[in-house]
């Protein structure tokens, strides 16, 4: 069975990491880790995760309690959790399913006298057109933060030049993963200094915790071989275990308990050395794999009914994951698994709940999220298998029953706009 998500890290990188646990003692500088080709190292802060970076940013900003942070309605729950922890209010703004852009009309009407910042998530490997968002922010004197956790593409994107902060993740399932670590680009020197000073008071991540992570994901990397993965799935099923839930939880970086203690750590030297290696090697190895993945995504869009691929109308989509919208997701998942592809409906994303429904559109936020199936698109998947996967999707689209309004869901191209 082809796994839903393969780790973007090789065995030589994992061995390198193991060696660094024993050898790395000094903390490398930002310039040493990220070089000079991507973003200005003097504007960078190296943190344990994107969650750590957002927490640092909000702590340094010291926004008044009750201030509102406008957020992409579709994001991971921890981002909203961090905002609430700082006694701020997350205000969700709808996301268009075809472009994955925040809907500007909703953004504009969500701004109140209490609004202080906008947090935009670049989803699924797309890059959002930040220009209109930045223009709205300037009109209302709002800070703009970019969550680029799913959108690292090397030197091709380092954040919009007018945003306050851009956060890039190198967590376990991300592009060019170092099995942890993040880079925050903060242009304002005073703000960056406050964040740096706050982080200096954090304890360092234990090198032994990083060793455990290396061991864990080395096992996971081995299990990602189709034969091994199929045996694992069958074994868990025979034991009555929900393998979808078990494997999804295995990819989590932080547990639910003592969450803020976990994220308030400085990255250890072995992690930073692996991060340095992964960023340096990306133009030579990772960029080629990224281009292949993007071309496959374009093939997927061209082969399926219009609107079926979520974000398919966004020209920057690199398909960090491959999400498709279908009317009967449970049935589609079953068909794919029977065919040897570990498709899943499981996602770490949520619809951010609104504090109130005064704007009248909370219940209409991102309806496409509930109809998504994620299909495998890992680098190890052969071209012939990718074409077979597309063929299955085409058959599923044709077989989808009509809705009451006589439109095929696969053809509907349902917009998240209201």
Protein backbone atom coordinates (compact mmCIF):
# COMPACT_ATOMS: atom_id res chain seq x y z
CA UNK A 1 0.00 0.00 0.00
CA UNK A 2 1.29 3.46 -0.92
CA UNK A 3 1.35 5.63 2.24
CA UNK A 4 -0.55 8.90 2.41
CA UNK A 5 2.51 10.97 3.28
CA UNK A 6 6.15 10.03 2.94
CA UNK A 7 8.82 11.80 4.94
CA UNK A 8 10.87 14.24 2.88
CA UNK A 9 14.17 13.13 4.38
CA UNK A 10 16.78 10.59 3.33
CA UNK A 11 18.71 7.98 5.22
CA UNK A 12 21.94 9.95 4.96
CA UNK A 13 20.21 12.91 6.63
CA UNK A 14 18.94 10.70 9.42
CA UNK A 15 22.39 9.21 9.99
CA UNK A 16 23.86 12.73 9.96
CA UNK A 17 21.38 13.70 12.65
CA UNK A 18 22.33 10.75 14.81
CA UNK A 19 25.98 11.73 14.56
CA UNK A 20 25.17 15.32 15.48
CA UNK A 21 23.49 14.22 18.69
CA UNK A 22 26.90 13.01 19.81
CA UNK A 23 29.05 15.66 18.13
CA UNK A 24 27.25 19.02 17.94
CA UNK A 25 27.95 21.22 20.95
CA UNK A 26 27.95 24.86 19.87
CA UNK A 27 24.84 26.66 18.67
CA UNK A 28 25.28 27.74 15.03
CA UNK A 29 24.36 31.28 14.03
CA UNK A 30 21.36 32.18 11.88
CA UNK A 31 23.69 32.95 8.99
CA UNK A 32 25.37 29.55 9.29
CA UNK A 33 22.02 27.74 9.31
CA UNK A 34 20.10 29.53 6.56
CA UNK A 35 22.91 30.97 4.44
CA UNK A 36 22.53 34.09 2.30
CA UNK A 37 20.46 32.84 -0.64
CA UNK A 38 17.01 32.56 0.92
CA UNK A 39 16.17 35.35 3.36
CA UNK A 40 18.39 37.90 5.12
CA UNK A 41 19.94 36.03 8.06
CA UNK A 42 19.99 39.21 10.12
CA UNK A 43 16.17 39.19 9.98
CA UNK A 44 15.87 35.53 11.05
CA UNK A 45 15.05 33.88 14.36
CA UNK A 46 15.54 30.13 14.67
CA UNK A 47 12.89 28.53 16.86
CA UNK A 48 11.75 25.06 17.84
CA UNK A 49 8.58 25.23 15.73
CA UNK A 50 6.18 27.62 14.02
CA UNK A 51 4.06 27.37 17.16
CA UNK A 52 7.06 28.57 19.17
CA UNK A 53 7.59 31.43 16.72
CA UNK A 54 3.98 32.64 16.93
CA UNK A 55 4.05 32.39 20.72
CA UNK A 56 7.25 34.45 20.82
CA UNK A 57 5.81 37.03 18.44
CA UNK A 58 2.63 37.56 20.46
CA UNK A 59 4.58 37.70 23.72
CA UNK A 60 6.88 40.37 22.25
CA UNK A 61 4.02 42.40 20.76
CA UNK A 62 2.17 42.61 24.10
CA UNK A 63 -1.16 43.40 22.47
CA UNK A 64 -3.91 44.57 24.87
CA UNK A 65 -6.13 41.76 26.19
CA UNK A 66 -9.24 41.37 24.05
CA UNK A 67 -7.47 42.55 20.89
CA UNK A 68 -8.60 40.70 17.76
CA UNK A 69 -6.38 38.72 15.43
CA UNK A 70 -8.04 38.02 12.09
CA UNK A 71 -7.08 34.51 10.97
CA UNK A 72 -7.58 32.23 7.99
CA UNK A 73 -10.64 30.19 8.94
CA UNK A 74 -8.79 26.99 7.99
CA UNK A 75 -5.70 26.39 10.11
CA UNK A 76 -4.30 24.04 12.73
CA UNK A 77 -5.95 24.26 16.16
CA UNK A 78 -2.72 25.16 17.97
CA UNK A 79 -2.50 28.54 16.20
CA UNK A 80 -5.90 29.57 17.57
CA UNK A 81 -4.95 28.07 20.93
CA UNK A 82 -1.82 30.25 21.12
CA UNK A 83 -3.80 33.37 20.22
CA UNK A 84 -6.32 32.64 22.97
CA UNK A 85 -3.53 31.92 25.48
CA UNK A 86 -2.33 35.50 25.02
CA UNK A 87 -5.86 36.73 25.88
CA UNK A 88 -6.56 37.67 22.28
CA UNK A 89 -9.58 36.84 20.13
CA UNK A 90 -9.22 34.85 16.90
CA UNK A 91 -11.62 36.11 14.22
CA UNK A 92 -11.94 33.62 11.32
CA UNK A 93 -12.13 34.80 7.72
CA UNK A 94 -13.40 32.51 4.98
CA UNK A 95 -11.01 30.76 2.60
CA UNK A 96 -11.91 30.16 -1.04
CA UNK A 97 -11.62 26.47 -1.90
CA UNK A 98 -10.46 27.08 -5.47
CA UNK A 99 -7.58 29.45 -4.72
CA UNK A 100 -7.17 28.98 -0.94
CA UNK A 101 -7.13 32.78 -0.67
CA UNK A 102 -8.81 34.46 2.29
CA UNK A 103 -11.95 36.14 0.94
CA UNK A 104 -11.14 39.85 0.90
CA UNK A 105 -14.76 40.94 1.35
CA UNK A 106 -14.98 38.88 4.54
CA UNK A 107 -11.64 40.20 5.70
CA UNK A 108 -12.73 43.79 5.27
CA UNK A 109 -16.01 43.37 7.12
CA UNK A 110 -14.30 41.49 9.97
CA UNK A 111 -12.15 44.49 10.89
CA UNK A 112 -13.26 46.31 14.03
CA UNK A 113 -11.68 48.94 16.29
CA UNK A 114 -10.25 46.02 18.30
CA UNK A 115 -8.44 44.46 15.32
CA UNK A 116 -4.66 44.47 15.64
CA UNK A 117 -3.27 41.82 13.29
CA UNK A 118 -3.99 39.43 10.42
CA UNK A 119 -2.61 35.86 10.44
CA UNK A 120 -2.72 34.25 6.98
CA UNK A 121 -2.12 30.52 6.42
CA UNK A 122 -0.58 29.41 3.11
CA UNK A 123 -2.36 26.06 2.78
CA UNK A 124 -1.45 22.73 1.13
CA UNK A 125 1.64 24.06 -0.68
CA UNK A 126 0.10 27.20 -2.17
CA UNK A 127 1.30 30.76 -1.78
CA UNK A 128 -1.40 33.30 -1.12
CA UNK A 129 -1.37 36.56 -3.06
CA UNK A 130 -0.52 38.78 -0.11
CA UNK A 131 -0.80 42.07 -2.03
CA UNK A 132 -4.54 42.71 -1.44
CA UNK A 133 -4.25 41.62 2.20
CA UNK A 134 -1.30 43.93 2.83
CA UNK A 135 -3.17 46.84 1.25
CA UNK A 136 -6.16 46.28 3.54
CA UNK A 137 -3.82 46.00 6.53
CA UNK A 138 -2.12 49.30 5.69
CA UNK A 139 -5.47 51.08 5.51
CA UNK A 140 -6.31 49.93 9.05
CA UNK A 141 -2.79 49.94 10.54
CA UNK A 142 -2.78 46.17 11.14
CA UNK A 143 0.19 43.84 11.50
CA UNK A 144 0.36 40.96 9.00
CA UNK A 145 1.80 37.53 9.87
CA UNK A 146 2.31 34.74 7.32
CA UNK A 147 2.06 31.11 8.38
CA UNK A 148 4.20 29.46 5.69
CA UNK A 149 4.47 26.11 7.46
CA UNK A 150 3.06 24.22 4.46
CA UNK A 151 4.68 26.40 1.82
CA UNK A 152 8.49 26.23 1.97
CA UNK A 153 9.95 26.37 -1.56
CA UNK A 154 13.50 27.53 -0.88
CA UNK A 155 14.71 30.86 -2.22
CA UNK A 156 11.59 31.24 -4.40
CA UNK A 157 9.63 32.67 -1.46
CA UNK A 158 10.78 34.36 1.73
CA UNK A 159 7.57 36.14 2.70
CA UNK A 160 5.97 39.30 1.34
CA UNK A 161 8.28 42.33 1.73
CA UNK A 162 5.64 44.27 3.70
CA UNK A 163 4.51 41.65 6.20
CA UNK A 164 5.52 41.86 9.85
CA UNK A 165 6.57 38.22 10.20
CA UNK A 166 6.76 35.08 8.05
CA UNK A 167 6.99 31.67 9.75
CA UNK A 168 8.50 28.63 7.98
CA UNK A 169 8.33 25.10 9.37
CA UNK A 170 10.71 22.15 9.05
CA UNK A 171 8.65 19.80 11.18
CA UNK A 172 8.37 16.03 10.62
CA UNK A 173 5.97 15.95 7.65
CA UNK A 174 7.03 19.23 6.02
CA UNK A 175 9.05 19.87 2.88
CA UNK A 176 12.83 19.61 3.56
CA UNK A 177 12.09 18.40 7.06
CA UNK A 178 14.72 18.49 9.78
CA UNK A 179 12.21 16.69 12.05
CA UNK A 180 11.70 19.99 13.82
CA UNK A 181 12.76 23.59 13.80
CA UNK A 182 11.38 26.75 12.25
CA UNK A 183 12.58 30.04 10.83
CA UNK A 184 10.81 33.30 11.59
CA UNK A 185 11.56 36.29 9.38
CA UNK A 186 10.93 39.45 11.41
CA UNK A 187 11.77 42.71 9.66
CA UNK A 188 11.32 45.14 12.54
CA UNK A 189 14.58 45.23 14.48
CA UNK A 190 13.06 46.21 17.81
CA UNK A 191 10.43 43.48 17.62
CA UNK A 192 13.03 40.92 16.58
CA UNK A 193 15.25 41.90 19.50
CA UNK A 194 12.41 41.43 21.99
CA UNK A 195 11.62 38.01 20.55
CA UNK A 196 15.29 37.00 20.67
CA UNK A 197 15.62 38.14 24.26
CA UNK A 198 12.52 36.21 25.29
CA UNK A 199 13.81 33.04 23.65
CA UNK A 200 17.18 33.35 25.38
CA UNK A 201 15.39 32.69 28.66
CA UNK A 202 14.02 29.38 27.40
CA UNK A 203 15.76 26.11 28.24
CA UNK A 204 17.26 24.21 25.33
CA UNK A 205 15.47 21.27 23.79
CA UNK A 206 17.11 18.11 25.09
CA UNK A 207 19.41 16.46 22.57
CA UNK A 208 18.02 13.16 23.82
CA UNK A 209 14.51 14.22 22.88
CA UNK A 210 15.84 14.93 19.40
CA UNK A 211 17.54 11.53 19.40
CA UNK A 212 14.18 9.91 20.20
CA UNK A 213 12.62 11.84 17.35
CA UNK A 214 15.33 10.67 14.95
CA UNK A 215 14.77 7.08 16.03
CA UNK A 216 10.98 7.38 15.77
CA UNK A 217 11.02 8.79 12.25
CA UNK A 218 13.71 6.41 11.09
CA UNK A 219 11.25 3.62 11.90
CA UNK A 220 8.48 5.56 10.18
CA UNK A 221 10.69 6.05 7.11
CA UNK A 222 11.28 2.30 6.96
CA UNK A 223 7.56 1.61 7.31
CA UNK A 224 6.79 3.95 4.38
CA UNK A 225 7.95 1.27 1.96
CA UNK A 226 4.74 -0.02 0.33
CA UNK A 227 5.17 -3.65 1.41
CA UNK A 228 6.04 -2.70 4.99
CA UNK A 229 3.25 -0.14 5.14
CA UNK A 230 0.69 -2.66 3.90
CA UNK A 231 1.79 -5.18 6.52
CA UNK A 232 1.54 -2.53 9.23
CA UNK A 233 -1.98 -1.54 8.16
CA UNK A 234 -3.16 -5.14 8.06
CA UNK A 235 -1.58 -5.87 11.43
CA UNK A 236 -3.25 -2.89 13.11
CA UNK A 237 -6.57 -3.79 11.54
CA UNK A 238 -6.34 -7.36 12.85
CA UNK A 239 -5.66 -6.00 16.31
CA UNK A 240 -8.78 -3.87 16.04
CA UNK A 241 -6.77 -0.66 16.01
CA UNK A 242 -7.81 2.41 14.03
CA UNK A 243 -4.64 2.68 11.97
CA UNK A 244 -5.77 6.00 10.45
CA UNK A 245 -5.90 7.53 13.92
CA UNK A 246 -2.72 5.81 15.12
CA UNK A 247 -0.59 6.91 12.16
CA UNK A 248 -2.02 10.41 12.24
CA UNK A 249 -1.13 10.83 15.90
CA UNK A 250 2.37 9.49 15.24
CA UNK A 251 3.12 12.58 13.15
CA UNK A 252 2.25 15.05 15.92
CA UNK A 253 5.20 17.09 17.16
CA UNK A 254 3.75 18.06 20.54
CA UNK A 255 1.50 16.31 23.00
CA UNK A 256 -1.60 17.84 24.54
CA UNK A 257 -0.15 18.00 28.04
CA UNK A 258 2.14 20.88 29.06
CA UNK A 259 1.85 22.29 25.55
CA UNK A 260 3.41 25.68 26.28
CA UNK A 261 6.26 24.12 28.25
CA UNK A 262 6.98 21.97 25.20
CA UNK A 263 7.04 24.78 22.66
CA UNK A 264 8.98 27.20 24.87
CA UNK A 265 12.34 25.62 24.21
CA UNK A 266 15.34 26.71 22.19
CA UNK A 267 16.23 24.28 19.39
CA UNK A 268 19.19 22.11 20.34
CA UNK A 269 22.48 22.21 18.34
CA UNK A 270 21.92 18.78 16.66
CA UNK A 271 18.56 19.94 15.31
CA UNK A 272 20.05 23.18 14.02
CA UNK A 273 22.87 21.30 12.27
CA UNK A 274 20.35 19.07 10.51
CA UNK A 275 18.30 22.13 9.60
CA UNK A 276 21.43 23.75 8.17
CA UNK A 277 22.10 20.66 6.06
CA UNK A 278 18.52 20.46 4.77
CA UNK A 279 18.31 24.14 3.77
CA UNK A 280 21.74 24.06 2.11
CA UNK A 281 20.88 20.93 0.10
CA UNK A 282 17.43 22.08 -0.99
CA UNK A 283 18.44 23.85 -4.24
CA UNK A 284 20.32 20.72 -5.33
CA UNK A 285 17.86 18.00 -4.31
CA UNK A 286 14.67 19.33 -2.85
CA UNK A 287 13.87 21.81 -5.62
CA UNK A 288 13.90 19.02 -8.21
CA UNK A 289 11.48 16.94 -6.16
CA UNK A 290 9.29 20.01 -5.59
CA UNK A 291 9.09 20.64 -9.33
CA UNK A 292 8.09 17.02 -9.96
CA UNK A 293 5.39 17.26 -7.31
CA UNK A 294 4.04 20.51 -8.78
CA UNK A 295 3.91 19.03 -12.29
CA UNK A 296 2.02 16.02 -10.95
CA UNK A 297 -0.43 18.37 -9.30
CA UNK A 298 -0.97 20.20 -12.58
CA UNK A 299 -1.58 16.84 -14.26
CA UNK A 300 -4.14 16.05 -11.57
CA UNK A 301 -5.98 19.32 -12.17
CA UNK A 302 -5.96 18.86 -15.94
CA UNK A 303 -7.25 15.28 -15.70
CA UNK A 304 -10.20 15.89 -13.37
CA UNK A 305 -13.42 17.88 -13.57
CA UNK A 306 -13.03 21.58 -12.87
CA UNK A 307 -13.08 22.43 -9.19
CA UNK A 308 -12.34 18.93 -7.93
CA UNK A 309 -8.75 19.67 -6.81
CA UNK A 310 -8.77 22.00 -3.82
CA UNK A 311 -6.60 25.02 -4.55
CA UNK A 312 -6.28 23.95 -8.18
CA UNK A 313 -6.90 27.51 -9.42
CA UNK A 314 -3.92 28.84 -7.47
CA UNK A 315 -0.98 29.06 -9.93
CA UNK A 316 1.61 28.70 -7.15
CA UNK A 317 0.34 25.34 -5.87
CA UNK A 318 3.21 22.90 -5.19
CA UNK A 319 0.95 20.17 -3.73
CA UNK A 320 2.62 19.56 -0.41
CA UNK A 321 -0.47 17.44 -0.09
CA UNK A 322 -2.97 16.52 -2.81
CA UNK A 323 -6.52 17.34 -1.65
CA UNK A 324 -9.55 16.52 -3.78
CA UNK A 325 -13.18 17.42 -3.09
CA UNK A 326 -15.77 14.68 -3.53
CA UNK A 327 -19.40 14.14 -2.55
CA UNK A 328 -18.86 10.76 -0.91
CA UNK A 329 -15.45 10.94 0.80
CA UNK A 330 -15.85 7.79 2.89
CA UNK A 331 -16.62 5.70 -0.19
CA UNK A 332 -13.73 7.27 -2.11
CA UNK A 333 -11.33 6.44 0.72
CA UNK A 334 -12.53 2.84 0.69
CA UNK A 335 -12.06 2.55 -3.09
CA UNK A 336 -8.52 3.90 -2.88
CA UNK A 337 -7.50 1.66 -0.01
CA UNK A 338 -8.84 -1.37 -1.85
CA UNK A 339 -6.65 -0.29 -4.79
CA UNK A 340 -3.53 -0.01 -2.62
CA UNK A 341 -3.48 3.74 -1.97
CA UNK A 342 -3.74 5.00 1.60
CA UNK A 343 -6.09 7.92 0.99
CA UNK A 344 -7.52 9.60 4.07
CA UNK A 345 -10.02 12.16 5.23
CA UNK A 346 -7.96 12.78 8.34
CA UNK A 347 -6.48 16.24 8.65
CA UNK A 348 -4.96 18.35 11.40
CA UNK A 349 -6.85 21.38 10.10
CA UNK A 350 -9.93 22.88 11.73
CA UNK A 351 -12.44 25.62 11.07
CA UNK A 352 -11.59 28.29 13.64
CA UNK A 353 -14.74 28.92 15.69
CA UNK A 354 -15.98 32.50 15.71
CA UNK A 355 -16.49 34.22 19.05
CA UNK A 356 -19.90 35.26 17.75
CA UNK A 357 -21.81 35.01 14.50
CA UNK A 358 -22.53 38.69 14.10
CA UNK A 359 -21.17 38.71 10.55
CA UNK A 360 -23.64 35.97 9.62
CA UNK A 361 -21.29 33.60 7.85
CA UNK A 362 -19.76 31.35 10.50
CA UNK A 363 -21.74 28.31 9.43
CA UNK A 364 -20.65 28.82 5.80
CA UNK A 365 -16.90 28.92 6.46
CA UNK A 366 -14.91 26.66 4.11
CA UNK A 367 -17.59 24.03 3.36
CA UNK A 368 -15.09 22.21 1.16
CA UNK A 369 -13.04 21.10 4.17
CA UNK A 370 -15.61 18.44 5.07
CA UNK A 371 -15.53 16.93 1.57
CA UNK A 372 -11.76 16.56 1.17
CA UNK A 373 -9.88 13.34 0.55
CA UNK A 374 -6.09 13.46 0.62
CA UNK A 375 -4.45 11.11 -1.86
CA UNK A 376 -0.83 9.90 -1.76
CA UNK A 377 1.68 11.98 -3.75
CA UNK A 378 5.04 11.06 -2.23
CA UNK A 379 8.32 11.27 -4.07
CA UNK A 380 8.66 7.47 -4.10
CA UNK A 381 5.35 6.97 -5.92
CA UNK A 382 6.18 5.85 -9.50
CA UNK A 383 4.67 7.71 -12.45
CA UNK A 384 2.68 4.66 -13.47
CA UNK A 385 1.07 4.46 -10.04
CA UNK A 386 0.31 8.18 -10.11
CA UNK A 387 -1.49 7.74 -13.43
CA UNK A 388 -3.43 4.80 -11.98
CA UNK A 389 -4.42 6.99 -9.04
CA UNK A 390 -5.72 9.69 -11.39
CA UNK A 391 -7.64 7.07 -13.36
CA UNK A 392 -9.38 5.93 -10.17
CA UNK A 393 -10.28 9.53 -9.36
CA UNK A 394 -11.75 10.03 -12.82
CA UNK A 395 -13.89 6.92 -12.39
CA UNK A 396 -15.03 8.11 -8.98
CA UNK A 397 -15.95 11.54 -10.35
CA UNK A 398 -18.05 10.01 -13.13
CA UNK A 399 -19.76 7.65 -10.67
CA UNK A 400 -20.65 10.36 -8.13
CA UNK A 401 -24.45 10.60 -7.83
CA UNK A 402 -26.13 13.91 -8.56
CA UNK A 403 -27.01 16.27 -5.79
CA UNK A 404 -30.58 17.43 -5.36
CA UNK A 405 -29.76 20.48 -7.46
CA UNK A 406 -28.77 18.13 -10.31
CA UNK A 407 -25.11 19.13 -10.30
CA UNK A 408 -22.27 16.68 -9.86
CA UNK A 409 -20.25 17.53 -6.81
CA UNK A 410 -17.06 16.85 -8.71
CA UNK A 411 -18.16 19.44 -11.26
CA UNK A 412 -19.60 21.92 -8.80
CA UNK A 413 -16.38 23.75 -7.95
CA UNK A 414 -18.06 24.86 -4.73
CA UNK A 415 -16.58 28.18 -3.67
CA UNK A 416 -15.94 29.02 -0.07
CA UNK A 417 -17.23 32.53 -0.78
CA UNK A 418 -20.61 33.48 0.60
